[in-house]
Amino acid sequence: MGYVPTTLAEPGQKLKVNIELTEWDAVVTEESSFDPSNARIRQDV
């Protein structure tokens, strides 16, 4: 998870991020993937 300038904040926008000298592919999503209570894991299917 990270923050990007609003000019790049379009859902689906593909980006490259650098984490500890390693470049990774990333995609901007509409909703945050942050789930501190793990509610998504606990959903019954």
N, C-alpha and C. Protein backbone atom coordinates (compact mmCIF):
# COMPACT_ATOMS: atom_id res chain seq x y z
N MET A 1 0.85 -1.15 0.00
CA MET A 1 0.00 0.00 0.00
C MET A 1 0.90 1.22 0.00
N GLY A 2 0.45 2.24 -0.73
CA GLY A 2 1.22 3.46 -0.77
C GLY A 2 0.37 4.61 -1.26
N TYR A 3 0.98 5.75 -1.34
CA TYR A 3 0.30 6.95 -1.80
C TYR A 3 0.95 7.40 -3.10
N VAL A 4 0.14 7.92 -4.01
CA VAL A 4 0.64 8.44 -5.28
C VAL A 4 0.07 9.83 -5.50
N PRO A 5 0.71 10.62 -6.34
CA PRO A 5 0.16 11.93 -6.67
C PRO A 5 -1.24 11.77 -7.30
N THR A 6 -2.10 12.75 -7.08
CA THR A 6 -3.46 12.66 -7.62
C THR A 6 -3.48 12.53 -9.13
N THR A 7 -2.46 13.01 -9.80
CA THR A 7 -2.40 12.89 -11.26
C THR A 7 -2.25 11.44 -11.71
N LEU A 8 -1.80 10.56 -10.82
CA LEU A 8 -1.62 9.14 -11.14
C LEU A 8 -2.67 8.26 -10.46
N ALA A 9 -3.62 8.88 -9.76
CA ALA A 9 -4.55 8.12 -8.94
C ALA A 9 -5.79 7.65 -9.68
N GLU A 10 -5.65 7.17 -10.88
CA GLU A 10 -6.77 6.63 -11.65
C GLU A 10 -6.81 5.12 -11.44
N PRO A 11 -7.95 4.55 -11.06
CA PRO A 11 -8.04 3.10 -10.89
C PRO A 11 -7.58 2.36 -12.15
N GLY A 12 -6.77 1.36 -11.95
CA GLY A 12 -6.22 0.60 -13.06
C GLY A 12 -4.87 1.09 -13.55
N GLN A 13 -4.46 2.28 -13.11
CA GLN A 13 -3.17 2.85 -13.52
C GLN A 13 -2.05 1.92 -13.06
N LYS A 14 -1.19 1.50 -13.99
CA LYS A 14 -0.07 0.63 -13.65
C LYS A 14 1.14 1.49 -13.31
N LEU A 15 1.84 1.11 -12.25
CA LEU A 15 3.00 1.85 -11.76
C LEU A 15 4.13 0.89 -11.44
N LYS A 16 5.30 1.44 -11.24
CA LYS A 16 6.44 0.70 -10.70
C LYS A 16 6.79 1.34 -9.37
N VAL A 17 6.99 0.52 -8.35
CA VAL A 17 7.39 1.04 -7.05
C VAL A 17 8.73 0.44 -6.67
N ASN A 18 9.51 1.20 -5.92
CA ASN A 18 10.83 0.75 -5.51
C ASN A 18 10.81 0.52 -4.00
N ILE A 19 11.02 -0.73 -3.61
CA ILE A 19 11.06 -1.10 -2.20
C ILE A 19 12.40 -1.77 -1.92
N GLU A 20 13.20 -1.12 -1.10
CA GLU A 20 14.52 -1.62 -0.73
C GLU A 20 15.34 -2.04 -1.94
N LEU A 21 15.43 -1.13 -2.90
CA LEU A 21 16.24 -1.30 -4.11
C LEU A 21 15.72 -2.35 -5.07
N THR A 22 14.48 -2.82 -4.88
CA THR A 22 13.86 -3.76 -5.81
C THR A 22 12.63 -3.10 -6.41
N GLU A 23 12.50 -3.17 -7.74
CA GLU A 23 11.36 -2.55 -8.42
C GLU A 23 10.23 -3.57 -8.56
N TRP A 24 9.02 -3.16 -8.19
CA TRP A 24 7.84 -4.02 -8.21
C TRP A 24 6.74 -3.39 -9.06
N ASP A 25 5.93 -4.23 -9.70
CA ASP A 25 4.75 -3.75 -10.42
C ASP A 25 3.65 -3.46 -9.41
N ALA A 26 2.85 -2.43 -9.67
CA ALA A 26 1.74 -2.07 -8.80
C ALA A 26 0.59 -1.55 -9.67
N VAL A 27 -0.62 -1.63 -9.14
CA VAL A 27 -1.80 -1.13 -9.83
C VAL A 27 -2.63 -0.32 -8.84
N VAL A 28 -3.09 0.85 -9.27
CA VAL A 28 -3.95 1.68 -8.44
C VAL A 28 -5.33 1.03 -8.35
N THR A 29 -5.85 0.90 -7.13
CA THR A 29 -7.19 0.34 -6.93
C THR A 29 -8.12 1.42 -6.39
N GLU A 30 -9.43 1.19 -6.52
CA GLU A 30 -10.40 2.17 -6.02
C GLU A 30 -10.50 2.14 -4.51
N GLU A 31 -10.46 0.95 -3.93
CA GLU A 31 -10.60 0.81 -2.49
C GLU A 31 -9.27 0.41 -1.89
N SER A 32 -9.08 0.80 -0.65
CA SER A 32 -7.87 0.44 0.06
C SER A 32 -7.84 -1.06 0.33
N SER A 33 -6.69 -1.66 0.18
CA SER A 33 -6.56 -3.08 0.51
C SER A 33 -6.25 -3.28 1.99
N PHE A 34 -6.12 -2.19 2.74
CA PHE A 34 -5.83 -2.26 4.17
C PHE A 34 -7.05 -2.78 4.91
N ASP A 35 -6.89 -3.84 5.68
CA ASP A 35 -7.99 -4.49 6.40
C ASP A 35 -7.51 -4.84 7.81
N PRO A 36 -7.43 -3.85 8.71
CA PRO A 36 -6.84 -4.08 10.03
C PRO A 36 -7.59 -5.11 10.88
N SER A 37 -8.87 -5.30 10.63
CA SER A 37 -9.63 -6.28 11.43
C SER A 37 -9.74 -7.63 10.74
N ASN A 38 -9.11 -7.79 9.57
CA ASN A 38 -9.17 -9.03 8.79
C ASN A 38 -10.60 -9.43 8.45
N ALA A 39 -11.49 -8.47 8.28
CA ALA A 39 -12.90 -8.74 7.98
C ALA A 39 -13.06 -9.47 6.64
N ARG A 40 -12.24 -9.17 5.65
CA ARG A 40 -12.36 -9.84 4.35
C ARG A 40 -12.00 -11.32 4.46
N ILE A 41 -11.06 -11.65 5.29
CA ILE A 41 -10.68 -13.05 5.47
C ILE A 41 -11.82 -13.83 6.12
N ARG A 42 -12.56 -13.18 7.01
CA ARG A 42 -13.58 -13.85 7.80
C ARG A 42 -14.94 -13.93 7.11
N GLN A 43 -15.06 -13.41 5.90
CA GLN A 43 -16.35 -13.45 5.21
C GLN A 43 -16.69 -14.89 4.85
N ASP A 44 -17.92 -15.25 5.08
CA ASP A 44 -18.41 -16.57 4.66
C ASP A 44 -18.73 -16.51 3.16
N VAL A 45 -18.35 -17.53 2.46
CA VAL A 45 -18.59 -17.56 1.00
C VAL A 45 -19.78 -18.43 0.71
